[in-house]
């Protein structure tokens, strides 16, 4: 068998390295975009999106749904299938959360960067939850449709963010109790 020339070896090596890089990305790094309907309560709800098939969501669950960019509609029914409300909303981004119960959610900004002073960032921002002050850059929302975040309720913050020569942040939406648990764990309180 003939020996491979250096250029052919280089080509094969670069093709193998590219394949490995794509495999690592698709297996470990790729962030999937999803639209979720969430139910943080103990109740069961039914809903229809864009007059489609009726779906059920039990207490404490979230369900991935198909939405399209632009105007969408939702009809929400209680556990006895009595209509609670119907509403329209506009989808602009590739991930969102539908809060069909209008419960409190918190969109928190977690900061990353070189020489990051967590205490000074915390001191600059605070939020009141049930009469207690929490020092963090979070916003409370109970709107039906939320899309102003980077990580959805089913995702975790990245442990490391590349290009951290400057301070930047990633936002995540939390259910209320999940946010309180995260806050106590992250800030060791």
C-alpha atoms as a PDB file:
ATOM      1  CA  UNK A   1       0.000   0.000   0.000  1.00  0.00           C
ATOM      2  CA  UNK A   2       1.290   3.426  -0.903  1.00  0.00           C
ATOM      3  CA  UNK A   3       2.139   5.917   1.802  1.00  0.00           C
ATOM      4  CA  UNK A   4      -0.063   8.986   1.959  1.00  0.00           C
ATOM      5  CA  UNK A   5       1.544  12.267   1.080  1.00  0.00           C
ATOM      6  CA  UNK A   6       1.758  15.057   3.642  1.00  0.00           C
ATOM      7  CA  UNK A   7      -0.989  17.176   1.978  1.00  0.00           C
ATOM      8  CA  UNK A   8      -3.380  14.204   1.924  1.00  0.00           C
ATOM      9  CA  UNK A   9      -2.628  13.451   5.585  1.00  0.00           C
ATOM     10  CA  UNK A  10      -3.257  17.117   6.413  1.00  0.00           C
ATOM     11  CA  UNK A  11      -6.550  17.077   4.545  1.00  0.00           C
ATOM     12  CA  UNK A  12      -7.697  13.883   6.301  1.00  0.00           C
ATOM     13  CA  UNK A  13      -6.649  15.264   9.697  1.00  0.00           C
ATOM     14  CA  UNK A  14      -8.489  18.559   9.124  1.00  0.00           C
ATOM     15  CA  UNK A  15     -11.631  16.697   7.991  1.00  0.00           C
ATOM     16  CA  UNK A  16     -11.481  14.500  11.100  1.00  0.00           C
ATOM     17  CA  UNK A  17     -10.950  17.546  13.369  1.00  0.00           C
ATOM     18  CA  UNK A  18     -13.924  19.306  11.753  1.00  0.00           C
ATOM     19  CA  UNK A  19     -16.129  16.235  12.231  1.00  0.00           C
ATOM     20  CA  UNK A  20     -15.112  15.992  15.907  1.00  0.00           C
ATOM     21  CA  UNK A  21     -15.800  19.720  16.424  1.00  0.00           C
ATOM     22  CA  UNK A  22     -19.282  19.391  14.900  1.00  0.00           C
ATOM     23  CA  UNK A  23     -19.993  16.277  16.989  1.00  0.00           C
ATOM     24  CA  UNK A  24     -18.973  18.058  20.213  1.00  0.00           C
ATOM     25  CA  UNK A  25     -21.150  21.046  19.308  1.00  0.00           C
ATOM     26  CA  UNK A  26     -24.240  19.029  18.436  1.00  0.00           C
ATOM     27  CA  UNK A  27     -23.882  16.625  21.371  1.00  0.00           C
ATOM     28  CA  UNK A  28     -22.878  19.009  24.166  1.00  0.00           C
ATOM     29  CA  UNK A  29     -23.004  22.697  23.257  1.00  0.00           C
ATOM     30  CA  UNK A  30     -25.987  23.271  20.994  1.00  0.00           C
ATOM     31  CA  UNK A  31     -28.724  25.312  22.650  1.00  0.00           C
ATOM     32  CA  UNK A  32     -32.156  24.272  21.485  1.00  0.00           C
ATOM     33  CA  UNK A  33     -34.851  26.883  21.136  1.00  0.00           C
ATOM     34  CA  UNK A  34     -38.281  26.019  22.475  1.00  0.00           C
ATOM     35  CA  UNK A  35     -41.611  27.553  23.305  1.00  0.00           C
ATOM     36  CA  UNK A  36     -42.940  26.259  26.619  1.00  0.00           C
ATOM     37  CA  UNK A  37     -46.324  26.368  28.313  1.00  0.00           C
ATOM     38  CA  UNK A  38     -45.784  26.162  32.070  1.00  0.00           C
ATOM     39  CA  UNK A  39     -48.048  25.312  34.996  1.00  0.00           C
ATOM     40  CA  UNK A  40     -46.365  25.915  38.376  1.00  0.00           C
ATOM     41  CA  UNK A  41     -49.602  25.268  40.313  1.00  0.00           C
ATOM     42  CA  UNK A  42     -51.118  22.019  41.582  1.00  0.00           C
ATOM     43  CA  UNK A  43     -54.162  22.407  39.274  1.00  0.00           C
ATOM     44  CA  UNK A  44     -54.679  20.808  35.863  1.00  0.00           C
ATOM     45  CA  UNK A  45     -55.392  23.007  32.843  1.00  0.00           C
ATOM     46  CA  UNK A  46     -56.383  22.486  29.239  1.00  0.00           C
ATOM     47  CA  UNK A  47     -55.350  24.787  26.414  1.00  0.00           C
ATOM     48  CA  UNK A  48     -55.530  25.230  22.656  1.00  0.00           C
ATOM     49  CA  UNK A  49     -52.990  27.173  20.660  1.00  0.00           C
ATOM     50  CA  UNK A  50     -54.056  28.772  17.377  1.00  0.00           C
ATOM     51  CA  UNK A  51     -57.366  26.850  17.532  1.00  0.00           C
ATOM     52  CA  UNK A  52     -55.477  23.582  17.277  1.00  0.00           C
ATOM     53  CA  UNK A  53     -55.680  20.366  19.232  1.00  0.00           C
ATOM     54  CA  UNK A  54     -56.655  20.614  22.898  1.00  0.00           C
ATOM     55  CA  UNK A  55     -53.732  19.793  25.199  1.00  0.00           C
ATOM     56  CA  UNK A  56     -53.600  19.045  28.898  1.00  0.00           C
ATOM     57  CA  UNK A  57     -50.999  20.228  31.380  1.00  0.00           C
ATOM     58  CA  UNK A  58     -50.887  18.850  34.909  1.00  0.00           C
ATOM     59  CA  UNK A  59     -49.656  20.720  37.957  1.00  0.00           C
ATOM     60  CA  UNK A  60     -45.913  21.332  38.080  1.00  0.00           C
ATOM     61  CA  UNK A  61     -45.379  20.465  34.412  1.00  0.00           C
ATOM     62  CA  UNK A  62     -44.273  22.309  31.321  1.00  0.00           C
ATOM     63  CA  UNK A  63     -45.038  21.327  27.737  1.00  0.00           C
ATOM     64  CA  UNK A  64     -43.199  22.268  24.568  1.00  0.00           C
ATOM     65  CA  UNK A  65     -45.513  23.760  21.924  1.00  0.00           C
ATOM     66  CA  UNK A  66     -45.241  24.917  18.333  1.00  0.00           C
ATOM     67  CA  UNK A  67     -45.667  28.628  17.720  1.00  0.00           C
ATOM     68  CA  UNK A  68     -44.956  30.699  14.675  1.00  0.00           C
ATOM     69  CA  UNK A  69     -43.462  34.160  14.464  1.00  0.00           C
ATOM     70  CA  UNK A  70     -46.174  36.806  14.476  1.00  0.00           C
ATOM     71  CA  UNK A  71     -49.638  36.691  16.017  1.00  0.00           C
ATOM     72  CA  UNK A  72     -50.698  33.539  17.905  1.00  0.00           C
ATOM     73  CA  UNK A  73     -53.746  32.778  20.045  1.00  0.00           C
ATOM     74  CA  UNK A  74     -54.380  30.661  23.123  1.00  0.00           C
ATOM     75  CA  UNK A  75     -57.543  29.489  24.849  1.00  0.00           C
ATOM     76  CA  UNK A  76     -57.180  28.281  28.444  1.00  0.00           C
ATOM     77  CA  UNK A  77     -59.674  26.048  30.293  1.00  0.00           C
ATOM     78  CA  UNK A  78     -59.722  24.930  33.920  1.00  0.00           C
ATOM     79  CA  UNK A  79     -59.747  21.315  35.156  1.00  0.00           C
ATOM     80  CA  UNK A  80     -63.526  21.121  34.512  1.00  0.00           C
ATOM     81  CA  UNK A  81     -62.962  22.379  30.967  1.00  0.00           C
ATOM     82  CA  UNK A  82     -64.620  25.720  31.698  1.00  0.00           C
ATOM     83  CA  UNK A  83     -63.134  28.514  29.657  1.00  0.00           C
ATOM     84  CA  UNK A  84     -60.959  30.818  31.759  1.00  0.00           C
ATOM     85  CA  UNK A  85     -59.814  33.170  28.998  1.00  0.00           C
ATOM     86  CA  UNK A  86     -58.559  33.462  25.473  1.00  0.00           C
ATOM     87  CA  UNK A  87     -55.817  35.789  24.400  1.00  0.00           C
ATOM     88  CA  UNK A  88     -53.536  36.764  21.549  1.00  0.00           C
ATOM     89  CA  UNK A  89     -49.803  37.432  21.673  1.00  0.00           C
ATOM     90  CA  UNK A  90     -47.033  38.218  19.215  1.00  0.00           C
ATOM     91  CA  UNK A  91     -43.975  35.972  18.890  1.00  0.00           C
ATOM     92  CA  UNK A  92     -40.752  37.737  17.920  1.00  0.00           C
ATOM     93  CA  UNK A  93     -37.996  35.464  19.283  1.00  0.00           C
ATOM     94  CA  UNK A  94     -37.026  31.787  19.076  1.00  0.00           C
ATOM     95  CA  UNK A  95     -37.770  30.866  22.699  1.00  0.00           C
ATOM     96  CA  UNK A  96     -40.529  31.905  25.045  1.00  0.00           C
ATOM     97  CA  UNK A  97     -42.629  30.918  28.045  1.00  0.00           C
ATOM     98  CA  UNK A  98     -46.428  30.973  28.162  1.00  0.00           C
ATOM     99  CA  UNK A  99     -47.544  31.613  31.732  1.00  0.00           C
ATOM    100  CA  UNK A 100     -51.144  30.374  31.476  1.00  0.00           C
ATOM    101  CA  UNK A 101     -51.726  30.707  35.243  1.00  0.00           C
ATOM    102  CA  UNK A 102     -50.394  34.292  35.493  1.00  0.00           C
ATOM    103  CA  UNK A 103     -48.267  33.298  38.491  1.00  0.00           C
ATOM    104  CA  UNK A 104     -45.095  35.173  39.400  1.00  0.00           C
ATOM    105  CA  UNK A 105     -41.930  34.401  37.466  1.00  0.00           C
ATOM    106  CA  UNK A 106     -38.551  36.043  37.801  1.00  0.00           C
ATOM    107  CA  UNK A 107     -36.160  36.902  34.979  1.00  0.00           C
ATOM    108  CA  UNK A 108     -32.717  37.056  36.566  1.00  0.00           C
ATOM    109  CA  UNK A 109     -29.492  38.372  35.071  1.00  0.00           C
ATOM    110  CA  UNK A 110     -26.369  36.421  35.989  1.00  0.00           C
ATOM    111  CA  UNK A 111     -23.145  38.280  35.281  1.00  0.00           C
ATOM    112  CA  UNK A 112     -19.923  36.814  33.911  1.00  0.00           C
ATOM    113  CA  UNK A 113     -16.545  38.391  33.302  1.00  0.00           C
ATOM    114  CA  UNK A 114     -12.998  39.061  34.345  1.00  0.00           C
ATOM    115  CA  UNK A 115     -12.583  40.835  37.709  1.00  0.00           C
ATOM    116  CA  UNK A 116     -16.312  40.556  38.314  1.00  0.00           C
ATOM    117  CA  UNK A 117     -17.365  41.983  41.666  1.00  0.00           C
ATOM    118  CA  UNK A 118     -20.616  40.161  42.499  1.00  0.00           C
ATOM    119  CA  UNK A 119     -21.162  42.245  45.634  1.00  0.00           C
ATOM    120  CA  UNK A 120     -21.118  45.581  43.785  1.00  0.00           C
ATOM    121  CA  UNK A 121     -23.536  44.266  41.168  1.00  0.00           C
ATOM    122  CA  UNK A 122     -25.825  42.946  43.896  1.00  0.00           C
ATOM    123  CA  UNK A 123     -25.704  46.257  45.771  1.00  0.00           C
ATOM    124  CA  UNK A 124     -26.819  48.114  42.642  1.00  0.00           C
ATOM    125  CA  UNK A 125     -29.968  45.980  42.150  1.00  0.00           C
ATOM    126  CA  UNK A 126     -32.652  44.649  44.453  1.00  0.00           C
ATOM    127  CA  UNK A 127     -36.146  43.199  44.305  1.00  0.00           C
ATOM    128  CA  UNK A 128     -38.834  42.717  46.942  1.00  0.00           C
ATOM    129  CA  UNK A 129     -40.407  39.252  47.135  1.00  0.00           C
ATOM    130  CA  UNK A 130     -43.092  38.616  49.751  1.00  0.00           C
ATOM    131  CA  UNK A 131     -41.843  41.514  51.897  1.00  0.00           C
ATOM    132  CA  UNK A 132     -38.184  40.426  51.838  1.00  0.00           C
ATOM    133  CA  UNK A 133     -35.469  42.251  49.877  1.00  0.00           C
ATOM    134  CA  UNK A 134     -33.235  40.216  47.579  1.00  0.00           C
ATOM    135  CA  UNK A 135     -30.114  41.855  46.173  1.00  0.00           C
ATOM    136  CA  UNK A 136     -29.992  40.668  42.593  1.00  0.00           C
ATOM    137  CA  UNK A 137     -30.746  41.961  39.107  1.00  0.00           C
ATOM    138  CA  UNK A 138     -34.104  40.225  38.633  1.00  0.00           C
ATOM    139  CA  UNK A 139     -37.454  41.389  37.331  1.00  0.00           C
ATOM    140  CA  UNK A 140     -40.829  39.989  38.343  1.00  0.00           C
ATOM    141  CA  UNK A 141     -43.369  39.168  35.658  1.00  0.00           C
ATOM    142  CA  UNK A 142     -46.785  37.535  35.593  1.00  0.00           C
ATOM    143  CA  UNK A 143     -47.587  38.241  31.939  1.00  0.00           C
ATOM    144  CA  UNK A 144     -49.032  35.515  29.741  1.00  0.00           C
ATOM    145  CA  UNK A 145     -46.216  35.665  27.200  1.00  0.00           C
ATOM    146  CA  UNK A 146     -42.540  36.158  28.098  1.00  0.00           C
ATOM    147  CA  UNK A 147     -39.616  36.049  25.680  1.00  0.00           C
ATOM    148  CA  UNK A 148     -37.059  38.480  27.128  1.00  0.00           C
ATOM    149  CA  UNK A 149     -34.631  35.880  28.478  1.00  0.00           C
ATOM    150  CA  UNK A 150     -31.833  33.625  27.263  1.00  0.00           C
ATOM    151  CA  UNK A 151     -32.409  30.444  29.328  1.00  0.00           C
ATOM    152  CA  UNK A 152     -35.871  28.947  29.753  1.00  0.00           C
ATOM    153  CA  UNK A 153     -37.143  27.254  32.936  1.00  0.00           C
ATOM    154  CA  UNK A 154     -35.902  23.865  31.748  1.00  0.00           C
ATOM    155  CA  UNK A 155     -32.322  25.086  31.174  1.00  0.00           C
ATOM    156  CA  UNK A 156     -29.439  25.880  33.504  1.00  0.00           C
ATOM    157  CA  UNK A 157     -27.013  28.758  33.370  1.00  0.00           C
ATOM    158  CA  UNK A 158     -23.718  27.985  31.647  1.00  0.00           C
ATOM    159  CA  UNK A 159     -20.887  27.516  34.111  1.00  0.00           C
ATOM    160  CA  UNK A 160     -18.457  29.330  31.818  1.00  0.00           C
ATOM    161  CA  UNK A 161     -19.069  31.921  29.120  1.00  0.00           C
ATOM    162  CA  UNK A 162     -16.392  32.441  26.470  1.00  0.00           C
ATOM    163  CA  UNK A 163     -15.088  35.903  25.576  1.00  0.00           C
ATOM    164  CA  UNK A 164     -15.298  37.173  29.118  1.00  0.00           C
ATOM    165  CA  UNK A 165     -12.772  39.973  28.778  1.00  0.00           C
ATOM    166  CA  UNK A 166     -15.632  42.289  29.656  1.00  0.00           C
ATOM    167  CA  UNK A 167     -18.546  41.896  32.028  1.00  0.00           C
ATOM    168  CA  UNK A 168     -21.677  40.532  30.359  1.00  0.00           C
ATOM    169  CA  UNK A 169     -24.792  38.737  31.505  1.00  0.00           C
ATOM    170  CA  UNK A 170     -27.203  35.972  30.598  1.00  0.00           C
ATOM    171  CA  UNK A 171     -30.850  36.078  31.674  1.00  0.00           C
ATOM    172  CA  UNK A 172     -32.945  33.134  32.813  1.00  0.00           C
ATOM    173  CA  UNK A 173     -36.618  32.839  33.660  1.00  0.00           C
ATOM    174  CA  UNK A 174     -37.493  31.041  36.896  1.00  0.00           C
ATOM    175  CA  UNK A 175     -40.642  29.938  38.642  1.00  0.00           C
ATOM    176  CA  UNK A 176     -40.883  31.799  41.956  1.00  0.00           C
ATOM    177  CA  UNK A 177     -39.748  28.962  44.234  1.00  0.00           C
ATOM    178  CA  UNK A 178     -37.025  27.908  41.810  1.00  0.00           C
ATOM    179  CA  UNK A 179     -35.709  31.488  41.830  1.00  0.00           C
ATOM    180  CA  UNK A 180     -35.660  31.617  45.629  1.00  0.00           C
ATOM    181  CA  UNK A 181     -33.803  28.274  45.727  1.00  0.00           C
ATOM    182  CA  UNK A 182     -31.321  29.479  43.091  1.00  0.00           C
ATOM    183  CA  UNK A 183     -30.738  32.744  44.970  1.00  0.00           C
ATOM    184  CA  UNK A 184     -29.993  30.967  48.244  1.00  0.00           C
ATOM    185  CA  UNK A 185     -27.666  28.497  46.543  1.00  0.00           C
ATOM    186  CA  UNK A 186     -25.855  30.976  44.271  1.00  0.00           C
ATOM    187  CA  UNK A 187     -25.344  33.619  46.965  1.00  0.00           C
ATOM    188  CA  UNK A 188     -24.863  31.082  49.786  1.00  0.00           C
ATOM    189  CA  UNK A 189     -27.583  32.580  51.956  1.00  0.00           C
END
